[in-house]
Amino acid sequence: MTDTNLSAILYQKLDLRLEDRPIPEPKHGEVQISMRKIGICGSDVKYWTDGRIGNHFIVQNPMLLGHECSGVVSKIGPGVTHLKEGDRVAIEPHGVCRCCEFCKHGRYNLCPNVFFLATPPDSGALARYHVHGADFVFKLPDNVSFEEGALIEPLSVGLHASRRARISLGHRVLVCGAGPIGLCAMLSAKALGASAICITDVDAKRLAFAKEVGATHTVQIQPDEEAEEVASKVATTLGGAPDRTIECSGAQFSVDLGVYATKSGGVFVIVGHGPEKVSFPIVNLVAREIEILGSFRYVNTWQTAIDMISCGKINIKPLVTHRFKLEETLEAFKMAKSGQGVKVMIDCEKV
């Protein structure tokens, strides 16, 4: 029987369809990948429910969703020498120009010509087959599963943020937000040597899960609390103000909390994408020399993340709470939207 390329295509808001598309052929420097596992990201759900994220990323043409992915190399394009058919791989969902000053300095996530899977106008990889630039495809060791390979994408967000924060041995760390990215930031910070990590969130169930998978402390934010009150709670809980804070929610409250909570002279890294503009407690920020850094996606993290999973330094497996087949994509998206689980995983392999 001839293989088909069943694909999950978003036409517009709330219009997600499964259709057969042609199997793509790899060009020079590319590989064709028989997809195995794809995780659903919050951005995928947002495009499905709203048809847009902010004013810049709007679904205007049919596009495939999915950018947290792993698979098996099924065909090699001309010029590819480091991969072969049958290799188990994880995909870094970037494509960059490789020529600009940012690419040449190793900061390709800032490339002005970057494209990113499942970010309009660029399609994703939620299909049986996908073609990708071979230099952004990484071999998986035998002891790293396809699910773990797919989870390297959100883990890389947390790892890049932790590197930006310069987390090292003995640091106290605050992570704002106990969603998948917050959990990945926590796991990364712990692997880099943080001695104590506190996660904050409004949801008690999320915090309980965070404690199960490695957070040393949690603080639940109550509806009537001020950011300064929560900052005081965090310091008491950790035994001192956090040296480093990573904000993963995008909420104005968490931005305020990050400034008030971080130790004087400490580092506050912002990952979460919230409103176009937020305010800062600027006098507090300046007077205590808090260093604020942005963290955008990831750069040069894939091999490190693979190695950290392979050697047992990071256990990412518990984050997968629900599993679906490609044919059940709509049900998978409904589950992801419900918030009942942490990470919903789709199996793309044809049975």
C-alpha atoms as a PDB file:
ATOM      1  CA  MET A   1       0.000   0.000   0.000  1.00  0.00           C
ATOM      2  CA  THR A   2       1.329   3.439  -0.896  1.00  0.00           C
ATOM      3  CA  ASP A   3       2.042   5.709   2.050  1.00  0.00           C
ATOM      4  CA  THR A   4      -0.102   8.789   2.487  1.00  0.00           C
ATOM      5  CA  ASN A   5       0.682  12.062   4.171  1.00  0.00           C
ATOM      6  CA  LEU A   6      -2.227  12.618   6.533  1.00  0.00           C
ATOM      7  CA  SER A   7      -1.865  16.201   7.783  1.00  0.00           C
ATOM      8  CA  ALA A   8      -3.562  18.398  10.392  1.00  0.00           C
ATOM      9  CA  ILE A   9      -4.366  21.680   8.622  1.00  0.00           C
ATOM     10  CA  LEU A  10      -5.749  24.801  10.243  1.00  0.00           C
ATOM     11  CA  TYR A  11      -7.803  26.784   7.723  1.00  0.00           C
ATOM     12  CA  GLN A  12      -9.025  29.467  10.089  1.00  0.00           C
ATOM     13  CA  LYS A  13     -10.192  29.895  13.660  1.00  0.00           C
ATOM     14  CA  LEU A  14     -11.764  26.649  14.946  1.00  0.00           C
ATOM     15  CA  ASP A  15     -11.448  25.032  11.514  1.00  0.00           C
ATOM     16  CA  LEU A  16      -8.905  22.224  11.934  1.00  0.00           C
ATOM     17  CA  ARG A  17      -9.080  19.462   9.332  1.00  0.00           C
ATOM     18  CA  LEU A  18      -7.313  16.180   8.618  1.00  0.00           C
ATOM     19  CA  GLU A  19      -6.428  15.870   4.943  1.00  0.00           C
ATOM     20  CA  ASP A  20      -4.070  13.877   2.768  1.00  0.00           C
ATOM     21  CA  ARG A  21      -1.360  16.003   1.183  1.00  0.00           C
ATOM     22  CA  PRO A  22       1.501  15.041  -1.129  1.00  0.00           C
ATOM     23  CA  ILE A  23       4.535  13.544   0.586  1.00  0.00           C
ATOM     24  CA  PRO A  24       7.226  16.265   0.448  1.00  0.00           C
ATOM     25  CA  GLU A  25      10.583  15.505  -1.176  1.00  0.00           C
ATOM     26  CA  PRO A  26      13.849  16.729   0.374  1.00  0.00           C
ATOM     27  CA  LYS A  27      15.908  19.313  -1.501  1.00  0.00           C
ATOM     28  CA  HIS A  28      19.600  20.019  -1.160  1.00  0.00           C
ATOM     29  CA  GLY A  29      20.610  20.069   2.489  1.00  0.00           C
ATOM     30  CA  GLU A  30      17.262  18.644   3.648  1.00  0.00           C
ATOM     31  CA  VAL A  31      15.946  15.344   4.952  1.00  0.00           C
ATOM     32  CA  GLN A  32      12.513  13.805   4.790  1.00  0.00           C
ATOM     33  CA  ILE A  33      11.285  12.612   8.177  1.00  0.00           C
ATOM     34  CA  SER A  34       8.646  10.032   8.954  1.00  0.00           C
ATOM     35  CA  MET A  35       7.074  11.751  11.945  1.00  0.00           C
ATOM     36  CA  ARG A  36       6.582   9.900  15.223  1.00  0.00           C
ATOM     37  CA  LYS A  37       5.629  12.184  18.114  1.00  0.00           C
ATOM     38  CA  ILE A  38       4.409  15.777  18.152  1.00  0.00           C
ATOM     39  CA  GLY A  39       3.499  17.675  21.310  1.00  0.00           C
ATOM     40  CA  ILE A  40       0.760  20.297  21.358  1.00  0.00           C
ATOM     41  CA  CYS A  41       2.051  23.707  22.409  1.00  0.00           C
ATOM     42  CA  GLY A  42      -0.047  26.484  23.909  1.00  0.00           C
ATOM     43  CA  SER A  43       0.589  28.485  20.730  1.00  0.00           C
ATOM     44  CA  ASP A  44      -0.942  25.681  18.624  1.00  0.00           C
ATOM     45  CA  VAL A  45      -4.077  25.839  20.760  1.00  0.00           C
ATOM     46  CA  LYS A  46      -4.157  29.637  20.533  1.00  0.00           C
ATOM     47  CA  TYR A  47      -4.009  29.575  16.722  1.00  0.00           C
ATOM     48  CA  TRP A  48      -6.801  26.995  16.699  1.00  0.00           C
ATOM     49  CA  THR A  49      -9.098  28.878  19.093  1.00  0.00           C
ATOM     50  CA  ASP A  50      -8.337  32.477  18.050  1.00  0.00           C
ATOM     51  CA  GLY A  51      -6.737  32.240  14.614  1.00  0.00           C
ATOM     52  CA  ARG A  52      -3.960  34.543  15.774  1.00  0.00           C
ATOM     53  CA  ILE A  53      -1.465  35.448  18.462  1.00  0.00           C
ATOM     54  CA  GLY A  54      -1.292  39.210  18.921  1.00  0.00           C
ATOM     55  CA  ASN A  55      -1.264  41.503  15.927  1.00  0.00           C
ATOM     56  CA  HIS A  56       1.719  39.998  14.134  1.00  0.00           C
ATOM     57  CA  PHE A  57       0.964  36.284  13.784  1.00  0.00           C
ATOM     58  CA  ILE A  58      -2.392  35.806  12.063  1.00  0.00           C
ATOM     59  CA  VAL A  59      -3.602  32.689  10.245  1.00  0.00           C
ATOM     60  CA  GLN A  60      -4.410  33.984   6.773  1.00  0.00           C
ATOM     61  CA  ASN A  61      -3.773  30.841   4.725  1.00  0.00           C
ATOM     62  CA  PRO A  62      -4.145  27.128   5.525  1.00  0.00           C
ATOM     63  CA  MET A  63      -1.202  25.943   7.647  1.00  0.00           C
ATOM     64  CA  LEU A  64      -0.092  22.833   9.459  1.00  0.00           C
ATOM     65  CA  LEU A  65       0.256  23.058  13.233  1.00  0.00           C
ATOM     66  CA  GLY A  66       2.887  21.384  15.420  1.00  0.00           C
ATOM     67  CA  HIS A  67       6.535  22.218  16.165  1.00  0.00           C
ATOM     68  CA  GLU A  68       7.481  19.947  19.090  1.00  0.00           C
ATOM     69  CA  CYS A  69       8.527  16.921  17.099  1.00  0.00           C
ATOM     70  CA  SER A  70      10.581  13.781  16.572  1.00  0.00           C
ATOM     71  CA  GLY A  71      10.709  11.067  13.930  1.00  0.00           C
ATOM     72  CA  VAL A  72      12.788   8.781  11.737  1.00  0.00           C
ATOM     73  CA  VAL A  73      14.795   9.930   8.724  1.00  0.00           C
ATOM     74  CA  SER A  74      13.072   8.388   5.701  1.00  0.00           C
ATOM     75  CA  LYS A  75      14.946  10.035   2.799  1.00  0.00           C
ATOM     76  CA  ILE A  76      18.165  11.999   2.417  1.00  0.00           C
ATOM     77  CA  GLY A  77      18.503  15.057   0.204  1.00  0.00           C
ATOM     78  CA  PRO A  78      21.670  15.941  -1.759  1.00  0.00           C
ATOM     79  CA  GLY A  79      24.559  17.290   0.296  1.00  0.00           C
ATOM     80  CA  VAL A  80      23.552  15.673   3.606  1.00  0.00           C
ATOM     81  CA  THR A  81      26.321  13.546   5.121  1.00  0.00           C
ATOM     82  CA  HIS A  82      25.764  13.419   8.906  1.00  0.00           C
ATOM     83  CA  LEU A  83      22.412  11.607   8.767  1.00  0.00           C
ATOM     84  CA  LYS A  84      21.177   8.412   7.136  1.00  0.00           C
ATOM     85  CA  GLU A  85      17.859   6.719   6.544  1.00  0.00           C
ATOM     86  CA  GLY A  86      16.585   5.072   9.711  1.00  0.00           C
ATOM     87  CA  ASP A  87      18.162   7.556  12.125  1.00  0.00           C
ATOM     88  CA  ARG A  88      15.926   8.444  15.071  1.00  0.00           C
ATOM     89  CA  VAL A  89      15.897  12.230  15.346  1.00  0.00           C
ATOM     90  CA  ALA A  90      14.565  15.311  17.081  1.00  0.00           C
ATOM     91  CA  ILE A  91      13.800  18.446  15.067  1.00  0.00           C
ATOM     92  CA  GLU A  92      14.780  21.969  16.028  1.00  0.00           C
ATOM     93  CA  PRO A  93      11.887  23.848  14.362  1.00  0.00           C
ATOM     94  CA  HIS A  94      13.921  26.738  12.997  1.00  0.00           C
ATOM     95  CA  GLY A  95      14.998  27.755   9.537  1.00  0.00           C
ATOM     96  CA  VAL A  96      17.437  30.663   9.315  1.00  0.00           C
ATOM     97  CA  CYS A  97      19.452  32.469   6.645  1.00  0.00           C
ATOM     98  CA  ARG A  98      22.824  31.309   8.031  1.00  0.00           C
ATOM     99  CA  CYS A  99      24.401  34.481   6.570  1.00  0.00           C
ATOM    100  CA  CYS A 100      23.419  37.453   8.760  1.00  0.00           C
ATOM    101  CA  GLU A 101      25.478  38.817  11.664  1.00  0.00           C
ATOM    102  CA  PHE A 102      23.272  37.016  14.211  1.00  0.00           C
ATOM    103  CA  CYS A 103      23.636  33.630  12.530  1.00  0.00           C
ATOM    104  CA  LYS A 104      27.390  34.132  12.158  1.00  0.00           C
ATOM    105  CA  HIS A 105      27.723  34.987  15.836  1.00  0.00           C
ATOM    106  CA  GLY A 106      25.787  31.891  16.888  1.00  0.00           C
ATOM    107  CA  ARG A 107      22.629  33.770  17.908  1.00  0.00           C
ATOM    108  CA  TYR A 108      20.509  32.484  15.050  1.00  0.00           C
ATOM    109  CA  ASN A 109      17.290  32.754  17.073  1.00  0.00           C
ATOM    110  CA  LEU A 110      17.571  36.506  16.414  1.00  0.00           C
ATOM    111  CA  CYS A 111      17.983  36.072  12.639  1.00  0.00           C
ATOM    112  CA  PRO A 112      15.742  38.636  10.867  1.00  0.00           C
ATOM    113  CA  ASN A 113      14.987  36.027   8.201  1.00  0.00           C
ATOM    114  CA  VAL A 114      14.042  33.244  10.604  1.00  0.00           C
ATOM    115  CA  PHE A 115      11.039  31.045   9.976  1.00  0.00           C
ATOM    116  CA  PHE A 116       9.527  28.923  12.703  1.00  0.00           C
ATOM    117  CA  LEU A 117       7.306  25.901  12.232  1.00  0.00           C
ATOM    118  CA  ALA A 118       3.607  26.520  12.884  1.00  0.00           C
ATOM    119  CA  THR A 119       4.013  30.298  13.110  1.00  0.00           C
ATOM    120  CA  PRO A 120       2.093  32.142  10.371  1.00  0.00           C
ATOM    121  CA  PRO A 121       2.822  32.269   7.521  1.00  0.00           C
ATOM    122  CA  ASP A 122       4.999  29.151   8.028  1.00  0.00           C
ATOM    123  CA  SER A 123       3.444  25.692   8.300  1.00  0.00           C
ATOM    124  CA  GLY A 124       4.265  23.148  10.973  1.00  0.00           C
ATOM    125  CA  ALA A 125       4.974  19.433  11.003  1.00  0.00           C
ATOM    126  CA  LEU A 126       1.804  17.735  12.276  1.00  0.00           C
ATOM    127  CA  ALA A 127       1.662  15.146   9.497  1.00  0.00           C
ATOM    128  CA  ARG A 128       2.948  11.697   8.550  1.00  0.00           C
ATOM    129  CA  TYR A 129       5.927  13.216   6.715  1.00  0.00           C
ATOM    130  CA  HIS A 130       7.856  16.452   7.018  1.00  0.00           C
ATOM    131  CA  VAL A 131      10.926  17.881   5.258  1.00  0.00           C
ATOM    132  CA  HIS A 132      13.460  19.884   7.272  1.00  0.00           C
ATOM    133  CA  GLY A 133      16.924  21.421   6.997  1.00  0.00           C
ATOM    134  CA  ALA A 134      19.358  18.679   7.987  1.00  0.00           C
ATOM    135  CA  ASP A 135      21.539  20.991  10.108  1.00  0.00           C
ATOM    136  CA  PHE A 136      18.575  21.450  12.463  1.00  0.00           C
ATOM    137  CA  VAL A 137      17.956  17.709  12.828  1.00  0.00           C
ATOM    138  CA  PHE A 138      19.640  15.858  15.714  1.00  0.00           C
ATOM    139  CA  LYS A 139      20.166  12.143  16.298  1.00  0.00           C
ATOM    140  CA  LEU A 140      18.563  10.611  19.371  1.00  0.00           C
ATOM    141  CA  PRO A 141      20.486   8.058  21.451  1.00  0.00           C
ATOM    142  CA  ASP A 142      18.813   4.674  21.883  1.00  0.00           C
ATOM    143  CA  ASN A 143      17.854   5.485  25.479  1.00  0.00           C
ATOM    144  CA  VAL A 144      15.981   8.685  24.543  1.00  0.00           C
ATOM    145  CA  SER A 145      12.412   8.013  23.413  1.00  0.00           C
ATOM    146  CA  PHE A 146      10.512   9.752  20.634  1.00  0.00           C
ATOM    147  CA  GLU A 147       8.331  11.456  23.255  1.00  0.00           C
ATOM    148  CA  GLU A 148      11.412  12.801  25.005  1.00  0.00           C
ATOM    149  CA  GLY A 149      12.725  13.882  21.598  1.00  0.00           C
ATOM    150  CA  ALA A 150       9.565  15.914  20.994  1.00  0.00           C
ATOM    151  CA  LEU A 151       9.808  17.462  24.463  1.00  0.00           C
ATOM    152  CA  ILE A 152      13.267  18.837  23.711  1.00  0.00           C
ATOM    153  CA  GLU A 153      11.547  21.863  22.143  1.00  0.00           C
ATOM    154  CA  PRO A 154       9.823  23.141  25.315  1.00  0.00           C
ATOM    155  CA  LEU A 155      12.792  21.965  27.396  1.00  0.00           C
ATOM    156  CA  SER A 156      15.044  24.111  25.211  1.00  0.00           C
ATOM    157  CA  VAL A 157      12.967  27.187  26.036  1.00  0.00           C
ATOM    158  CA  GLY A 158      13.614  26.564  29.730  1.00  0.00           C
ATOM    159  CA  LEU A 159      17.267  25.711  29.168  1.00  0.00           C
ATOM    160  CA  HIS A 160      17.928  28.851  27.126  1.00  0.00           C
ATOM    161  CA  ALA A 161      16.243  30.997  29.784  1.00  0.00           C
ATOM    162  CA  SER A 162      18.294  29.342  32.532  1.00  0.00           C
ATOM    163  CA  ARG A 163      21.479  29.973  30.572  1.00  0.00           C
ATOM    164  CA  ARG A 164      20.452  33.603  30.050  1.00  0.00           C
ATOM    165  CA  ALA A 165      19.962  33.850  33.819  1.00  0.00           C
ATOM    166  CA  ARG A 166      23.456  32.432  34.390  1.00  0.00           C
ATOM    167  CA  ILE A 167      22.144  29.947  36.926  1.00  0.00           C
ATOM    168  CA  SER A 168      24.882  27.995  38.663  1.00  0.00           C
ATOM    169  CA  LEU A 169      25.653  25.966  41.784  1.00  0.00           C
ATOM    170  CA  GLY A 170      23.797  27.026  44.910  1.00  0.00           C
ATOM    171  CA  HIS A 171      21.511  29.636  43.385  1.00  0.00           C
ATOM    172  CA  ARG A 172      18.029  30.151  44.742  1.00  0.00           C
ATOM    173  CA  VAL A 173      15.623  30.394  41.801  1.00  0.00           C
ATOM    174  CA  LEU A 174      12.050  31.653  41.408  1.00  0.00           C
ATOM    175  CA  VAL A 175      10.008  30.456  38.434  1.00  0.00           C
ATOM    176  CA  CYS A 176       6.760  32.352  37.782  1.00  0.00           C
ATOM    177  CA  GLY A 177       4.184  30.066  36.162  1.00  0.00           C
ATOM    178  CA  ALA A 178       3.816  26.288  36.509  1.00  0.00           C
ATOM    179  CA  GLY A 179       2.826  25.517  32.910  1.00  0.00           C
ATOM    180  CA  PRO A 180       4.992  23.360  30.619  1.00  0.00           C
ATOM    181  CA  ILE A 181       7.565  26.128  30.021  1.00  0.00           C
ATOM    182  CA  GLY A 182       7.779  26.930  33.734  1.00  0.00           C
ATOM    183  CA  LEU A 183       8.291  23.246  34.494  1.00  0.00           C
ATOM    184  CA  CYS A 184      11.027  23.036  31.845  1.00  0.00           C
ATOM    185  CA  ALA A 185      12.722  26.121  33.303  1.00  0.00           C
ATOM    186  CA  MET A 186      12.596  24.484  36.732  1.00  0.00           C
ATOM    187  CA  LEU A 187      14.093  21.217  35.440  1.00  0.00           C
ATOM    188  CA  SER A 188      16.838  23.113  33.602  1.00  0.00           C
ATOM    189  CA  ALA A 189      17.672  25.312  36.590  1.00  0.00           C
ATOM    190  CA  LYS A 190      17.915  22.250  38.795  1.00  0.00           C
ATOM    191  CA  ALA A 191      20.209  20.495  36.326  1.00  0.00           C
ATOM    192  CA  LEU A 192      22.457  23.568  36.205  1.00  0.00           C
ATOM    193  CA  GLY A 193      22.961  23.448  39.963  1.00  0.00           C
ATOM    194  CA  ALA A 194      20.206  25.520  41.615  1.00  0.00           C
ATOM    195  CA  SER A 195      19.914  24.462  45.247  1.00  0.00           C
ATOM    196  CA  ALA A 196      16.329  25.637  45.769  1.00  0.00           C
ATOM    197  CA  ILE A 197      13.592  26.380  43.235  1.00  0.00           C
ATOM    198  CA  CYS A 198      10.219  27.929  44.045  1.00  0.00           C
ATOM    199  CA  ILE A 199       7.403  27.954  41.489  1.00  0.00           C
ATOM    200  CA  THR A 200       4.436  30.306  41.785  1.00  0.00           C
ATOM    201  CA  ASP A 201       1.033  29.915  40.155  1.00  0.00           C
ATOM    202  CA  VAL A 202      -2.656  30.533  40.847  1.00  0.00           C
ATOM    203  CA  ASP A 203      -3.519  26.850  40.275  1.00  0.00           C
ATOM    204  CA  ALA A 204      -2.995  24.476  43.205  1.00  0.00           C
ATOM    205  CA  LYS A 205      -3.046  21.377  40.978  1.00  0.00           C
ATOM    206  CA  ARG A 206      -0.294  22.750  38.762  1.00  0.00           C
ATOM    207  CA  LEU A 207       1.803  23.516  41.827  1.00  0.00           C
ATOM    208  CA  ALA A 208       1.286  20.016  43.217  1.00  0.00           C
ATOM    209  CA  PHE A 209       2.454  18.570  39.901  1.00  0.00           C
ATOM    210  CA  ALA A 210       5.485  20.888  39.897  1.00  0.00           C
ATOM    211  CA  LYS A 211       6.442  19.576  43.339  1.00  0.00           C
ATOM    212  CA  GLU A 212       6.093  15.989  42.097  1.00  0.00           C
ATOM    213  CA  VAL A 213       8.482  16.538  39.193  1.00  0.00           C
ATOM    214  CA  GLY A 214      11.203  18.409  41.037  1.00  0.00           C
ATOM    215  CA  ALA A 215      10.339  21.854  42.425  1.00  0.00           C
ATOM    216  CA  THR A 216      11.657  22.173  45.976  1.00  0.00           C
ATOM    217  CA  HIS A 217       9.078  24.806  46.960  1.00  0.00           C
ATOM    218  CA  THR A 218       5.790  26.249  45.714  1.00  0.00           C
ATOM    219  CA  VAL A 219       3.747  29.342  46.518  1.00  0.00           C
ATOM    220  CA  GLN A 220       0.132  29.678  45.433  1.00  0.00           C
ATOM    221  CA  ILE A 221      -0.909  33.204  44.474  1.00  0.00           C
ATOM    222  CA  GLN A 222      -4.229  34.247  45.992  1.00  0.00           C
ATOM    223  CA  PRO A 223      -6.676  36.529  44.111  1.00  0.00           C
ATOM    224  CA  ASP A 224      -6.420  39.418  46.574  1.00  0.00           C
ATOM    225  CA  GLU A 225      -2.653  39.427  47.096  1.00  0.00           C
ATOM    226  CA  GLU A 226      -0.237  42.142  46.042  1.00  0.00           C
ATOM    227  CA  ALA A 227       2.996  41.263  44.261  1.00  0.00           C
ATOM    228  CA  GLU A 228       5.080  42.573  47.173  1.00  0.00           C
ATOM    229  CA  GLU A 229       3.242  40.241  49.561  1.00  0.00           C
ATOM    230  CA  VAL A 230       3.964  37.234  47.373  1.00  0.00           C
ATOM    231  CA  ALA A 231       7.604  38.320  47.038  1.00  0.00           C
ATOM    232  CA  SER A 232       7.896  38.257  50.820  1.00  0.00           C
ATOM    233  CA  LYS A 233       6.349  34.769  50.907  1.00  0.00           C
ATOM    234  CA  VAL A 234       8.821  33.559  48.288  1.00  0.00           C
ATOM    235  CA  ALA A 235      11.793  34.851  50.286  1.00  0.00           C
ATOM    236  CA  THR A 236      10.501  33.195  53.447  1.00  0.00           C
ATOM    237  CA  THR A 237       9.840  29.930  51.618  1.00  0.00           C
ATOM    238  CA  LEU A 238      13.275  29.831  49.961  1.00  0.00           C
ATOM    239  CA  GLY A 239      15.156  30.985  53.044  1.00  0.00           C
ATOM    240  CA  GLY A 240      16.191  34.164  51.251  1.00  0.00           C
ATOM    241  CA  ALA A 241      15.378  36.199  48.166  1.00  0.00           C
ATOM    242  CA  PRO A 242      15.962  34.342  44.884  1.00  0.00           C
ATOM    243  CA  ASP A 243      19.237  35.096  43.096  1.00  0.00           C
ATOM    244  CA  ARG A 244      17.558  34.422  39.775  1.00  0.00           C
ATOM    245  CA  THR A 245      13.952  34.717  38.577  1.00  0.00           C
ATOM    246  CA  ILE A 246      12.475  33.311  35.352  1.00  0.00           C
ATOM    247  CA  GLU A 247       9.057  34.647  34.347  1.00  0.00           C
ATOM    248  CA  CYS A 248       7.076  32.208  32.187  1.00  0.00           C
ATOM    249  CA  SER A 249       3.474  33.449  32.329  1.00  0.00           C
ATOM    250  CA  GLY A 250       3.505  36.833  30.586  1.00  0.00           C
ATOM    251  CA  ALA A 251       1.185  38.281  33.240  1.00  0.00           C
ATOM    252  CA  GLN A 252       1.671  41.828  34.539  1.00  0.00           C
ATOM    253  CA  PHE A 253       1.432  40.509  38.112  1.00  0.00           C
ATOM    254  CA  SER A 254       4.366  38.147  37.521  1.00  0.00           C
ATOM    255  CA  VAL A 255       6.470  40.935  36.012  1.00  0.00           C
ATOM    256  CA  ASP A 256       5.903  42.970  39.189  1.00  0.00           C
ATOM    257  CA  LEU A 257       6.592  39.904  41.324  1.00  0.00           C
ATOM    258  CA  GLY A 258       9.844  39.215  39.486  1.00  0.00           C
ATOM    259  CA  VAL A 259      11.169  42.689  40.272  1.00  0.00           C
ATOM    260  CA  TYR A 260      10.082  42.724  43.907  1.00  0.00           C
ATOM    261  CA  ALA A 261      11.201  39.158  44.630  1.00  0.00           C
ATOM    262  CA  THR A 262      14.621  39.035  42.963  1.00  0.00           C
ATOM    263  CA  LYS A 263      17.595  39.615  45.238  1.00  0.00           C
ATOM    264  CA  SER A 264      19.333  42.991  44.889  1.00  0.00           C
ATOM    265  CA  GLY A 265      21.912  42.658  42.141  1.00  0.00           C
ATOM    266  CA  GLY A 266      20.167  39.547  40.833  1.00  0.00           C
ATOM    267  CA  VAL A 267      18.947  38.558  37.376  1.00  0.00           C
ATOM    268  CA  PHE A 268      15.348  38.538  36.154  1.00  0.00           C
ATOM    269  CA  VAL A 269      14.721  36.740  32.837  1.00  0.00           C
ATOM    270  CA  ILE A 270      11.417  37.216  31.008  1.00  0.00           C
ATOM    271  CA  VAL A 271      10.201  34.384  28.774  1.00  0.00           C
ATOM    272  CA  GLY A 272       6.420  34.775  28.860  1.00  0.00           C
ATOM    273  CA  HIS A 273       4.660  36.639  26.056  1.00  0.00           C
ATOM    274  CA  GLY A 274       1.837  38.658  27.545  1.00  0.00           C
ATOM    275  CA  PRO A 275       0.422  42.053  26.557  1.00  0.00           C
ATOM    276  CA  GLU A 276       2.288  44.125  23.977  1.00  0.00           C
ATOM    277  CA  LYS A 277       3.258  46.527  26.774  1.00  0.00           C
ATOM    278  CA  VAL A 278       3.730  45.979  30.504  1.00  0.00           C
ATOM    279  CA  SER A 279       4.963  48.296  33.250  1.00  0.00           C
ATOM    280  CA  PHE A 280       7.815  47.821  35.714  1.00  0.00           C
ATOM    281  CA  PRO A 281       8.285  49.043  39.306  1.00  0.00           C
ATOM    282  CA  ILE A 282      11.129  51.113  37.896  1.00  0.00           C
ATOM    283  CA  VAL A 283      12.372  52.804  41.084  1.00  0.00           C
ATOM    284  CA  ASN A 284      12.661  49.470  42.864  1.00  0.00           C
ATOM    285  CA  LEU A 285      14.301  47.955  39.799  1.00  0.00           C
ATOM    286  CA  VAL A 286      16.909  50.699  39.407  1.00  0.00           C
ATOM    287  CA  ALA A 287      17.671  51.218  43.096  1.00  0.00           C
ATOM    288  CA  ARG A 288      18.421  47.524  43.570  1.00  0.00           C
ATOM    289  CA  GLU A 289      20.241  47.025  40.251  1.00  0.00           C
ATOM    290  CA  ILE A 290      18.047  44.161  39.076  1.00  0.00           C
ATOM    291  CA  GLU A 291      19.277  42.941  35.696  1.00  0.00           C
ATOM    292  CA  ILE A 292      16.398  42.289  33.282  1.00  0.00           C
ATOM    293  CA  LEU A 293      16.950  40.051  30.246  1.00  0.00           C
ATOM    294  CA  GLY A 294      14.658  38.823  27.500  1.00  0.00           C
ATOM    295  CA  SER A 295      14.763  35.193  26.423  1.00  0.00           C
ATOM    296  CA  PHE A 296      13.478  34.318  22.941  1.00  0.00           C
ATOM    297  CA  ARG A 297      12.886  30.667  22.099  1.00  0.00           C
ATOM    298  CA  TYR A 298      16.336  28.994  22.165  1.00  0.00           C
ATOM    299  CA  VAL A 299      19.718  28.800  20.526  1.00  0.00           C
ATOM    300  CA  ASN A 300      22.328  26.012  20.519  1.00  0.00           C
ATOM    301  CA  THR A 301      20.381  23.917  23.031  1.00  0.00           C
ATOM    302  CA  TRP A 302      19.323  20.735  21.217  1.00  0.00           C
ATOM    303  CA  GLN A 303      22.420  18.615  21.671  1.00  0.00           C
ATOM    304  CA  THR A 304      22.828  19.734  25.282  1.00  0.00           C
ATOM    305  CA  ALA A 305      19.193  18.888  26.063  1.00  0.00           C
ATOM    306  CA  ILE A 306      19.536  15.473  24.386  1.00  0.00           C
ATOM    307  CA  ASP A 307      22.687  14.734  26.392  1.00  0.00           C
ATOM    308  CA  MET A 308      21.107  15.855  29.676  1.00  0.00           C
ATOM    309  CA  ILE A 309      18.135  13.564  29.101  1.00  0.00           C
ATOM    310  CA  SER A 310      20.327  10.671  27.965  1.00  0.00           C
ATOM    311  CA  CYS A 311      22.593  10.815  31.032  1.00  0.00           C
ATOM    312  CA  GLY A 312      19.677  11.132  33.449  1.00  0.00           C
ATOM    313  CA  LYS A 313      20.356  14.717  34.489  1.00  0.00           C
ATOM    314  CA  ILE A 314      16.834  15.735  33.438  1.00  0.00           C
ATOM    315  CA  ASN A 315      13.704  13.560  33.596  1.00  0.00           C
ATOM    316  CA  ILE A 316      11.215  15.071  31.184  1.00  0.00           C
ATOM    317  CA  LYS A 317       8.986  11.993  30.817  1.00  0.00           C
ATOM    318  CA  PRO A 318       6.388  12.878  33.501  1.00  0.00           C
ATOM    319  CA  LEU A 319       5.295  15.966  31.568  1.00  0.00           C
ATOM    320  CA  VAL A 320       3.389  13.837  29.039  1.00  0.00           C
ATOM    321  CA  THR A 321      -0.043  13.268  30.572  1.00  0.00           C
ATOM    322  CA  HIS A 322      -2.251  12.480  27.543  1.00  0.00           C
ATOM    323  CA  ARG A 323      -1.662  10.615  24.286  1.00  0.00           C
ATOM    324  CA  PHE A 324      -3.613  10.537  21.004  1.00  0.00           C
ATOM    325  CA  LYS A 325      -3.238   9.223  17.448  1.00  0.00           C
ATOM    326  CA  LEU A 326      -2.923  11.588  14.488  1.00  0.00           C
ATOM    327  CA  GLU A 327      -6.456  10.596  13.469  1.00  0.00           C
ATOM    328  CA  GLU A 328      -7.601  11.913  16.886  1.00  0.00           C
ATOM    329  CA  THR A 329      -6.011  15.342  16.477  1.00  0.00           C
ATOM    330  CA  LEU A 330      -9.199  17.303  17.152  1.00  0.00           C
ATOM    331  CA  GLU A 331      -9.793  15.388  20.400  1.00  0.00           C
ATOM    332  CA  ALA A 332      -6.150  16.016  21.334  1.00  0.00           C
ATOM    333  CA  PHE A 333      -6.569  19.770  20.843  1.00  0.00           C
ATOM    334  CA  LYS A 334      -9.744  19.772  22.920  1.00  0.00           C
ATOM    335  CA  MET A 335      -7.858  18.037  25.724  1.00  0.00           C
ATOM    336  CA  ALA A 336      -4.985  20.523  25.496  1.00  0.00           C
ATOM    337  CA  LYS A 337      -7.447  23.432  25.604  1.00  0.00           C
ATOM    338  CA  SER A 338      -9.202  21.993  28.667  1.00  0.00           C
ATOM    339  CA  GLY A 339      -6.082  22.369  30.784  1.00  0.00           C
ATOM    340  CA  GLN A 340      -6.637  18.961  32.371  1.00  0.00           C
ATOM    341  CA  GLY A 341      -3.155  17.751  31.535  1.00  0.00           C
ATOM    342  CA  VAL A 342       0.337  19.141  31.167  1.00  0.00           C
ATOM    343  CA  LYS A 343       1.575  17.993  27.764  1.00  0.00           C
ATOM    344  CA  VAL A 344      -0.633  16.303  25.164  1.00  0.00           C
ATOM    345  CA  MET A 345       1.298  14.132  22.701  1.00  0.00           C
ATOM    346  CA  ILE A 346       0.173  13.010  19.225  1.00  0.00           C
ATOM    347  CA  ASP A 347       1.485   9.811  17.634  1.00  0.00           C
ATOM    348  CA  CYS A 348       1.891  10.336  13.873  1.00  0.00           C
ATOM    349  CA  GLU A 349       3.069   6.850  12.958  1.00  0.00           C
ATOM    350  CA  LYS A 350       0.795   4.900  10.611  1.00  0.00           C
ATOM    351  CA  VAL A 351      -0.327   1.631  12.187  1.00  0.00           C
END
